[in-house]
Amino acid sequence: MKFIAPLTVALSMSAGVAMGQTDVTSRVSPALSHYNSSVVEEDVWQRHDLSARDRSVVTVATLIARQQTALMPQEFSRALENGVTPAEMSGVVTHLAFYSGWGNAAAAAEALAPIFEAQGVAADSLPGADVDLLPLDMEAESAREENVQADHAETAIGVVDYTRETLFRDLWLRPDLAPRDRSLITVTALVASGQSEQVPFHLGRALDNGLTRDEASEALTQLAFYAGWPRVFSAMPVFRNVFDARAAD
């Protein structure tokens, strides 16, 4: 991909936003500014159990899931600097439309558009609707579909049908995100939204897709700062149950 403007242009723009945000925070809450610099930036982001790229994936997914627009320019640009590609960023926005809602995805697209424009990332260079899908694991999909049909078909057949055709036989097979990353952003969005009851299936799928237990654990640490302690503490017993079940197998 050829960029009309170098990545540093977008990062400089983001740095200005971040500097403005830092100035506002320090004027309103010097203590928060201190925690941000000394704990979040100098400690949490430097931890080794999750790569900088994956920390950005978790952070971006959290901001989109919670529609926290103030930090989006800063963190979207940091994600690109940390190795998340424009195609992957586009894929995250698309995926989270289904798991966090269309409005949240629209807010993310609005924040991402000027960053892409500064880099010269054209729409026709990003994944479109017509792509070659990844292979479908028919055995796993049939088992998932059977469970959903049994539990929910009589309640809302439309939801069941779109879950099968649009989510698991289309969205989840798009190649703009690796299955591991798609699982990581899904689990992140569920925790960030306080939807812990949906975590077991997707965390199990994430582990099947290559996310390690240590990475999943460290994702919770990142989430504590960007989604808040209560949501993470609500999710931790769920994670532990999945980990324990895996260890017992």
C-alpha atoms as a PDB file:
ATOM      1  CA  MET A   1       0.000   0.000   0.000  1.00  0.00           C
ATOM      2  CA  LYS A   2       1.373   3.419  -0.955  1.00  0.00           C
ATOM      3  CA  PHE A   3       0.565   6.233   1.443  1.00  0.00           C
ATOM      4  CA  ILE A   4       0.300   9.763   0.079  1.00  0.00           C
ATOM      5  CA  ALA A   5       1.391  11.068   3.459  1.00  0.00           C
ATOM      6  CA  PRO A   6       3.662   9.227   5.871  1.00  0.00           C
ATOM      7  CA  LEU A   7       2.360   7.668   9.058  1.00  0.00           C
ATOM      8  CA  THR A   8       4.127  10.355  11.054  1.00  0.00           C
ATOM      9  CA  VAL A   9       1.593  12.914   9.803  1.00  0.00           C
ATOM     10  CA  ALA A  10      -1.256  11.042  11.441  1.00  0.00           C
ATOM     11  CA  LEU A  11       0.801  10.398  14.530  1.00  0.00           C
ATOM     12  CA  SER A  12       1.698  14.071  14.809  1.00  0.00           C
ATOM     13  CA  MET A  13      -1.978  14.928  14.564  1.00  0.00           C
ATOM     14  CA  SER A  14      -2.700  12.358  17.257  1.00  0.00           C
ATOM     15  CA  ALA A  15       0.098  13.706  19.417  1.00  0.00           C
ATOM     16  CA  GLY A  16      -1.534  17.122  19.279  1.00  0.00           C
ATOM     17  CA  VAL A  17      -4.849  15.624  20.359  1.00  0.00           C
ATOM     18  CA  ALA A  18      -3.117  13.666  23.119  1.00  0.00           C
ATOM     19  CA  MET A  19      -1.251  16.759  24.291  1.00  0.00           C
ATOM     20  CA  GLY A  20      -4.504  18.722  24.393  1.00  0.00           C
ATOM     21  CA  GLN A  21      -6.178  15.928  26.312  1.00  0.00           C
ATOM     22  CA  THR A  22      -3.251  15.807  28.746  1.00  0.00           C
ATOM     23  CA  ASP A  23      -3.432  19.576  29.290  1.00  0.00           C
ATOM     24  CA  VAL A  24      -7.160  19.400  29.993  1.00  0.00           C
ATOM     25  CA  THR A  25      -6.733  16.461  32.359  1.00  0.00           C
ATOM     26  CA  SER A  26      -3.904  18.113  34.274  1.00  0.00           C
ATOM     27  CA  ARG A  27      -5.974  21.282  34.739  1.00  0.00           C
ATOM     28  CA  VAL A  28      -9.062  19.405  35.901  1.00  0.00           C
ATOM     29  CA  SER A  29      -7.472  16.520  37.791  1.00  0.00           C
ATOM     30  CA  PRO A  30      -3.716  16.629  38.423  1.00  0.00           C
ATOM     31  CA  ALA A  31      -3.988  13.285  40.222  1.00  0.00           C
ATOM     32  CA  LEU A  32      -5.549  11.645  37.150  1.00  0.00           C
ATOM     33  CA  SER A  33      -2.805  13.112  34.992  1.00  0.00           C
ATOM     34  CA  HIS A  34      -0.244  11.595  37.363  1.00  0.00           C
ATOM     35  CA  TYR A  35      -1.850   8.138  37.231  1.00  0.00           C
ATOM     36  CA  ASN A  36      -2.078   8.339  33.450  1.00  0.00           C
ATOM     37  CA  SER A  37       1.606   9.079  33.019  1.00  0.00           C
ATOM     38  CA  SER A  38       3.133   7.042  35.837  1.00  0.00           C
ATOM     39  CA  VAL A  39       0.839   4.001  35.876  1.00  0.00           C
ATOM     40  CA  VAL A  40      -0.904   3.684  32.511  1.00  0.00           C
ATOM     41  CA  GLU A  41       1.785   4.916  30.114  1.00  0.00           C
ATOM     42  CA  GLU A  42       4.974   4.082  31.995  1.00  0.00           C
ATOM     43  CA  ASP A  43       3.824   0.788  33.503  1.00  0.00           C
ATOM     44  CA  VAL A  44       0.711  -0.864  32.029  1.00  0.00           C
ATOM     45  CA  TRP A  45       1.627  -0.217  28.386  1.00  0.00           C
ATOM     46  CA  GLN A  46       5.144  -1.561  29.051  1.00  0.00           C
ATOM     47  CA  ARG A  47       4.049  -4.937  30.459  1.00  0.00           C
ATOM     48  CA  HIS A  48       5.282  -7.954  28.508  1.00  0.00           C
ATOM     49  CA  ASP A  49       2.490 -10.551  28.672  1.00  0.00           C
ATOM     50  CA  LEU A  50       0.633  -8.810  25.847  1.00  0.00           C
ATOM     51  CA  SER A  51       2.306  -7.211  22.844  1.00  0.00           C
ATOM     52  CA  ALA A  52       1.965  -3.487  22.229  1.00  0.00           C
ATOM     53  CA  ARG A  53      -0.066  -4.329  19.135  1.00  0.00           C
ATOM     54  CA  ASP A  54      -2.491  -6.489  21.099  1.00  0.00           C
ATOM     55  CA  ARG A  55      -2.779  -3.850  23.828  1.00  0.00           C
ATOM     56  CA  SER A  56      -3.833  -1.444  21.119  1.00  0.00           C
ATOM     57  CA  VAL A  57      -6.348  -3.960  19.760  1.00  0.00           C
ATOM     58  CA  VAL A  58      -7.860  -4.339  23.246  1.00  0.00           C
ATOM     59  CA  THR A  59      -7.867  -0.589  23.851  1.00  0.00           C
ATOM     60  CA  VAL A  60      -9.398   0.274  20.468  1.00  0.00           C
ATOM     61  CA  ALA A  61     -12.106  -2.371  20.915  1.00  0.00           C
ATOM     62  CA  THR A  62     -12.874  -1.044  24.394  1.00  0.00           C
ATOM     63  CA  LEU A  63     -13.235   2.545  23.208  1.00  0.00           C
ATOM     64  CA  ILE A  64     -15.530   1.507  20.364  1.00  0.00           C
ATOM     65  CA  ALA A  65     -17.626  -0.796  22.548  1.00  0.00           C
ATOM     66  CA  ARG A  66     -18.158   1.988  25.087  1.00  0.00           C
ATOM     67  CA  GLN A  67     -18.292   4.774  22.455  1.00  0.00           C
ATOM     68  CA  GLN A  68     -15.598   6.710  24.330  1.00  0.00           C
ATOM     69  CA  THR A  69     -14.720   9.135  21.566  1.00  0.00           C
ATOM     70  CA  ALA A  70     -12.339  11.463  23.450  1.00  0.00           C
ATOM     71  CA  LEU A  71      -9.442   8.988  23.320  1.00  0.00           C
ATOM     72  CA  MET A  72     -10.198   7.534  19.892  1.00  0.00           C
ATOM     73  CA  PRO A  73      -7.878   9.769  17.797  1.00  0.00           C
ATOM     74  CA  GLN A  74      -4.967   9.151  20.162  1.00  0.00           C
ATOM     75  CA  GLU A  75      -5.490   5.403  20.503  1.00  0.00           C
ATOM     76  CA  PHE A  76      -6.422   4.739  16.882  1.00  0.00           C
ATOM     77  CA  SER A  77      -3.167   6.358  15.793  1.00  0.00           C
ATOM     78  CA  ARG A  78      -1.202   4.507  18.468  1.00  0.00           C
ATOM     79  CA  ALA A  79      -2.706   1.266  17.164  1.00  0.00           C
ATOM     80  CA  LEU A  80      -1.414   2.018  13.662  1.00  0.00           C
ATOM     81  CA  GLU A  81       1.990   2.873  15.092  1.00  0.00           C
ATOM     82  CA  ASN A  82       1.957  -0.415  17.019  1.00  0.00           C
ATOM     83  CA  GLY A  83       1.432  -2.459  13.873  1.00  0.00           C
ATOM     84  CA  VAL A  84      -2.341  -2.714  13.418  1.00  0.00           C
ATOM     85  CA  THR A  85      -2.864  -2.216   9.692  1.00  0.00           C
ATOM     86  CA  PRO A  86      -5.474   0.115   8.167  1.00  0.00           C
ATOM     87  CA  ALA A  87      -7.300  -2.946   6.826  1.00  0.00           C
ATOM     88  CA  GLU A  88      -7.387  -4.446  10.313  1.00  0.00           C
ATOM     89  CA  MET A  89      -8.625  -1.177  11.828  1.00  0.00           C
ATOM     90  CA  SER A  90     -11.381  -1.119   9.213  1.00  0.00           C
ATOM     91  CA  GLY A  91     -12.184  -4.720  10.095  1.00  0.00           C
ATOM     92  CA  VAL A  92     -12.411  -3.928  13.812  1.00  0.00           C
ATOM     93  CA  VAL A  93     -14.967  -1.190  13.113  1.00  0.00           C
ATOM     94  CA  THR A  94     -17.030  -3.541  10.936  1.00  0.00           C
ATOM     95  CA  HIS A  95     -16.897  -6.405  13.437  1.00  0.00           C
ATOM     96  CA  LEU A  96     -17.877  -4.277  16.398  1.00  0.00           C
ATOM     97  CA  ALA A  97     -20.925  -2.909  14.581  1.00  0.00           C
ATOM     98  CA  PHE A  98     -22.403  -6.353  15.251  1.00  0.00           C
ATOM     99  CA  TYR A  99     -21.129  -6.752  18.807  1.00  0.00           C
ATOM    100  CA  SER A 100     -21.485  -3.163  20.078  1.00  0.00           C
ATOM    101  CA  GLY A 101     -24.087  -1.679  17.741  1.00  0.00           C
ATOM    102  CA  TRP A 102     -24.208   0.353  14.546  1.00  0.00           C
ATOM    103  CA  GLY A 103     -24.020   3.701  16.349  1.00  0.00           C
ATOM    104  CA  ASN A 104     -20.809   2.789  18.127  1.00  0.00           C
ATOM    105  CA  ALA A 105     -19.240   1.698  14.849  1.00  0.00           C
ATOM    106  CA  ALA A 106     -20.366   4.930  13.162  1.00  0.00           C
ATOM    107  CA  ALA A 107     -18.718   6.992  15.918  1.00  0.00           C
ATOM    108  CA  ALA A 108     -15.507   5.011  15.461  1.00  0.00           C
ATOM    109  CA  ALA A 109     -15.586   5.486  11.683  1.00  0.00           C
ATOM    110  CA  GLU A 110     -15.985   9.230  12.153  1.00  0.00           C
ATOM    111  CA  ALA A 111     -12.933   9.322  14.440  1.00  0.00           C
ATOM    112  CA  LEU A 112     -10.871   7.101  12.148  1.00  0.00           C
ATOM    113  CA  ALA A 113     -11.673   8.928   8.888  1.00  0.00           C
ATOM    114  CA  PRO A 114      -9.329  11.941   9.375  1.00  0.00           C
ATOM    115  CA  ILE A 115      -6.488   9.635  10.406  1.00  0.00           C
ATOM    116  CA  PHE A 116      -6.915   7.583   7.242  1.00  0.00           C
ATOM    117  CA  GLU A 117      -7.171  10.802   5.220  1.00  0.00           C
ATOM    118  CA  ALA A 118      -3.897  12.099   6.689  1.00  0.00           C
ATOM    119  CA  GLN A 119      -2.195   8.840   5.668  1.00  0.00           C
ATOM    120  CA  GLY A 120      -3.743   8.763   2.223  1.00  0.00           C
ATOM    121  CA  VAL A 121      -5.576   5.516   2.926  1.00  0.00           C
ATOM    122  CA  ALA A 122      -8.240   5.357   0.232  1.00  0.00           C
ATOM    123  CA  ALA A 123     -11.516   3.511   0.668  1.00  0.00           C
ATOM    124  CA  ASP A 124     -10.766   1.271  -2.321  1.00  0.00           C
ATOM    125  CA  SER A 125      -7.625   0.020  -0.544  1.00  0.00           C
ATOM    126  CA  LEU A 126      -9.690  -1.287   2.392  1.00  0.00           C
ATOM    127  CA  PRO A 127     -11.612  -4.576   2.615  1.00  0.00           C
ATOM    128  CA  GLY A 128     -14.917  -4.346   0.789  1.00  0.00           C
ATOM    129  CA  ALA A 129     -18.072  -6.410   0.998  1.00  0.00           C
ATOM    130  CA  ASP A 130     -17.000  -8.887  -1.692  1.00  0.00           C
ATOM    131  CA  VAL A 131     -14.051 -10.877  -0.337  1.00  0.00           C
ATOM    132  CA  ASP A 132     -12.907 -14.484  -0.422  1.00  0.00           C
ATOM    133  CA  LEU A 133     -14.019 -15.909   2.897  1.00  0.00           C
ATOM    134  CA  LEU A 134     -11.911 -18.135   5.110  1.00  0.00           C
ATOM    135  CA  PRO A 135     -12.818 -21.849   5.246  1.00  0.00           C
ATOM    136  CA  LEU A 136     -15.767 -22.763   7.472  1.00  0.00           C
ATOM    137  CA  ASP A 137     -15.316 -25.379  10.196  1.00  0.00           C
ATOM    138  CA  MET A 138     -18.622 -27.065   9.437  1.00  0.00           C
ATOM    139  CA  GLU A 139     -18.516 -29.428  12.413  1.00  0.00           C
ATOM    140  CA  ALA A 140     -18.054 -26.624  14.939  1.00  0.00           C
ATOM    141  CA  GLU A 141     -20.566 -24.399  13.155  1.00  0.00           C
ATOM    142  CA  SER A 142     -23.185 -27.158  13.087  1.00  0.00           C
ATOM    143  CA  ALA A 143     -22.777 -27.724  16.823  1.00  0.00           C
ATOM    144  CA  ARG A 144     -23.083 -23.995  17.519  1.00  0.00           C
ATOM    145  CA  GLU A 145     -26.146 -23.709  15.284  1.00  0.00           C
ATOM    146  CA  GLU A 146     -27.827 -26.704  16.912  1.00  0.00           C
ATOM    147  CA  ASN A 147     -27.414 -25.163  20.376  1.00  0.00           C
ATOM    148  CA  VAL A 148     -28.698 -21.760  19.270  1.00  0.00           C
ATOM    149  CA  GLN A 149     -31.681 -23.303  17.470  1.00  0.00           C
ATOM    150  CA  ALA A 150     -32.595 -25.308  20.572  1.00  0.00           C
ATOM    151  CA  ASP A 151     -32.290 -22.344  22.932  1.00  0.00           C
ATOM    152  CA  HIS A 152     -33.559 -19.414  20.897  1.00  0.00           C
ATOM    153  CA  ALA A 153     -35.403 -20.363  17.682  1.00  0.00           C
ATOM    154  CA  GLU A 154     -38.837 -20.133  19.293  1.00  0.00           C
ATOM    155  CA  THR A 155     -38.006 -16.740  20.810  1.00  0.00           C
ATOM    156  CA  ALA A 156     -36.598 -14.869  17.796  1.00  0.00           C
ATOM    157  CA  ILE A 157     -36.014 -16.873  14.626  1.00  0.00           C
ATOM    158  CA  GLY A 158     -34.781 -13.734  12.836  1.00  0.00           C
ATOM    159  CA  VAL A 159     -31.936 -13.325  15.321  1.00  0.00           C
ATOM    160  CA  VAL A 160     -31.066 -17.018  14.953  1.00  0.00           C
ATOM    161  CA  ASP A 161     -31.051 -16.797  11.160  1.00  0.00           C
ATOM    162  CA  TYR A 162     -28.884 -13.655  11.038  1.00  0.00           C
ATOM    163  CA  THR A 163     -26.549 -15.176  13.630  1.00  0.00           C
ATOM    164  CA  ARG A 164     -26.013 -18.146  11.357  1.00  0.00           C
ATOM    165  CA  GLU A 165     -25.873 -16.488   7.950  1.00  0.00           C
ATOM    166  CA  THR A 166     -24.460 -13.021   8.650  1.00  0.00           C
ATOM    167  CA  LEU A 167     -22.286 -13.509  11.712  1.00  0.00           C
ATOM    168  CA  PHE A 168     -20.818 -16.987  11.651  1.00  0.00           C
ATOM    169  CA  ARG A 169     -20.958 -17.809   7.937  1.00  0.00           C
ATOM    170  CA  ASP A 170     -19.922 -14.355   6.734  1.00  0.00           C
ATOM    171  CA  LEU A 171     -18.514 -11.815   9.229  1.00  0.00           C
ATOM    172  CA  TRP A 172     -16.425 -14.332  11.193  1.00  0.00           C
ATOM    173  CA  LEU A 173     -14.939 -15.689   7.945  1.00  0.00           C
ATOM    174  CA  ARG A 174     -13.798 -12.338   6.548  1.00  0.00           C
ATOM    175  CA  PRO A 175      -9.997 -12.315   6.066  1.00  0.00           C
ATOM    176  CA  ASP A 176      -9.399  -8.681   7.143  1.00  0.00           C
ATOM    177  CA  LEU A 177      -8.891  -9.943  10.710  1.00  0.00           C
ATOM    178  CA  ALA A 178      -7.167 -13.130  11.805  1.00  0.00           C
ATOM    179  CA  PRO A 179      -9.572 -15.407  13.728  1.00  0.00           C
ATOM    180  CA  ARG A 180      -7.498 -14.888  16.890  1.00  0.00           C
ATOM    181  CA  ASP A 181      -7.812 -11.103  16.634  1.00  0.00           C
ATOM    182  CA  ARG A 182     -11.521 -11.313  15.831  1.00  0.00           C
ATOM    183  CA  SER A 183     -11.989 -13.379  18.983  1.00  0.00           C
ATOM    184  CA  LEU A 184      -9.853 -10.995  21.044  1.00  0.00           C
ATOM    185  CA  ILE A 185     -11.884  -7.931  20.079  1.00  0.00           C
ATOM    186  CA  THR A 186     -15.139  -9.817  20.673  1.00  0.00           C
ATOM    187  CA  VAL A 187     -14.150 -10.900  24.187  1.00  0.00           C
ATOM    188  CA  THR A 188     -12.886  -7.381  24.863  1.00  0.00           C
ATOM    189  CA  ALA A 189     -16.147  -5.801  23.716  1.00  0.00           C
ATOM    190  CA  LEU A 190     -18.190  -8.202  25.843  1.00  0.00           C
ATOM    191  CA  VAL A 191     -16.185  -7.428  28.981  1.00  0.00           C
ATOM    192  CA  ALA A 192     -16.168  -3.684  28.260  1.00  0.00           C
ATOM    193  CA  SER A 193     -19.954  -3.747  27.800  1.00  0.00           C
ATOM    194  CA  GLY A 194     -20.559  -5.754  30.972  1.00  0.00           C
ATOM    195  CA  GLN A 195     -21.857  -8.753  28.984  1.00  0.00           C
ATOM    196  CA  SER A 196     -19.951 -11.395  30.940  1.00  0.00           C
ATOM    197  CA  GLU A 197     -22.610 -14.066  30.375  1.00  0.00           C
ATOM    198  CA  GLN A 198     -21.575 -14.116  26.696  1.00  0.00           C
ATOM    199  CA  VAL A 199     -17.871 -14.529  27.496  1.00  0.00           C
ATOM    200  CA  PRO A 200     -17.532 -18.337  27.982  1.00  0.00           C
ATOM    201  CA  PHE A 201     -18.338 -19.263  24.384  1.00  0.00           C
ATOM    202  CA  HIS A 202     -16.203 -16.497  22.892  1.00  0.00           C
ATOM    203  CA  LEU A 203     -13.277 -16.927  25.283  1.00  0.00           C
ATOM    204  CA  GLY A 204     -13.253 -20.641  24.498  1.00  0.00           C
ATOM    205  CA  ARG A 205     -13.315 -19.779  20.803  1.00  0.00           C
ATOM    206  CA  ALA A 206     -10.460 -17.298  21.356  1.00  0.00           C
ATOM    207  CA  LEU A 207      -8.324 -19.977  22.998  1.00  0.00           C
ATOM    208  CA  ASP A 208      -9.147 -22.341  20.113  1.00  0.00           C
ATOM    209  CA  ASN A 209      -8.122 -19.588  17.696  1.00  0.00           C
ATOM    210  CA  GLY A 210      -4.668 -19.204  19.253  1.00  0.00           C
ATOM    211  CA  LEU A 211      -5.019 -16.679  22.073  1.00  0.00           C
ATOM    212  CA  THR A 212      -3.054 -17.946  25.064  1.00  0.00           C
ATOM    213  CA  ARG A 213      -4.294 -18.002  28.638  1.00  0.00           C
ATOM    214  CA  ASP A 214      -1.573 -15.512  29.638  1.00  0.00           C
ATOM    215  CA  GLU A 215      -2.636 -13.148  26.846  1.00  0.00           C
ATOM    216  CA  ALA A 216      -6.296 -13.413  27.839  1.00  0.00           C
ATOM    217  CA  SER A 217      -5.357 -12.720  31.449  1.00  0.00           C
ATOM    218  CA  GLU A 218      -3.289  -9.693  30.503  1.00  0.00           C
ATOM    219  CA  ALA A 219      -6.115  -8.397  28.322  1.00  0.00           C
ATOM    220  CA  LEU A 220      -8.138  -8.149  31.538  1.00  0.00           C
ATOM    221  CA  THR A 221      -5.379  -6.020  33.063  1.00  0.00           C
ATOM    222  CA  GLN A 222      -5.510  -3.634  30.099  1.00  0.00           C
ATOM    223  CA  LEU A 223      -9.301  -3.609  30.275  1.00  0.00           C
ATOM    224  CA  ALA A 224      -9.276  -2.645  33.957  1.00  0.00           C
ATOM    225  CA  PHE A 225      -7.896   0.777  33.034  1.00  0.00           C
ATOM    226  CA  TYR A 226      -9.955   1.390  29.892  1.00  0.00           C
ATOM    227  CA  ALA A 227     -13.269  -0.246  30.846  1.00  0.00           C
ATOM    228  CA  GLY A 228     -13.101   0.088  34.624  1.00  0.00           C
ATOM    229  CA  TRP A 229     -12.495  -2.217  37.571  1.00  0.00           C
ATOM    230  CA  PRO A 230     -16.151  -3.305  38.148  1.00  0.00           C
ATOM    231  CA  ARG A 231     -16.556  -4.776  34.650  1.00  0.00           C
ATOM    232  CA  VAL A 232     -13.249  -6.616  34.925  1.00  0.00           C
ATOM    233  CA  PHE A 233     -14.027  -8.004  38.382  1.00  0.00           C
ATOM    234  CA  SER A 234     -17.378  -9.212  37.045  1.00  0.00           C
ATOM    235  CA  ALA A 235     -15.576 -10.954  34.180  1.00  0.00           C
ATOM    236  CA  MET A 236     -12.734 -12.546  36.159  1.00  0.00           C
ATOM    237  CA  PRO A 237     -14.766 -15.433  37.656  1.00  0.00           C
ATOM    238  CA  VAL A 238     -16.059 -16.204  34.163  1.00  0.00           C
ATOM    239  CA  PHE A 239     -12.521 -16.277  32.773  1.00  0.00           C
ATOM    240  CA  ARG A 240     -11.420 -18.487  35.656  1.00  0.00           C
ATOM    241  CA  ASN A 241     -14.193 -20.990  34.975  1.00  0.00           C
ATOM    242  CA  VAL A 242     -13.135 -21.220  31.325  1.00  0.00           C
ATOM    243  CA  PHE A 243      -9.462 -21.598  32.291  1.00  0.00           C
ATOM    244  CA  ASP A 244     -10.265 -24.270  34.881  1.00  0.00           C
ATOM    245  CA  ALA A 245     -12.442 -26.214  32.446  1.00  0.00           C
ATOM    246  CA  ARG A 246      -9.637 -26.146  29.886  1.00  0.00           C
ATOM    247  CA  ALA A 247      -7.090 -27.342  32.461  1.00  0.00           C
ATOM    248  CA  ALA A 248      -9.373 -30.217  33.451  1.00  0.00           C
ATOM    249  CA  ASP A 249      -9.743 -31.487  29.868  1.00  0.00           C
END
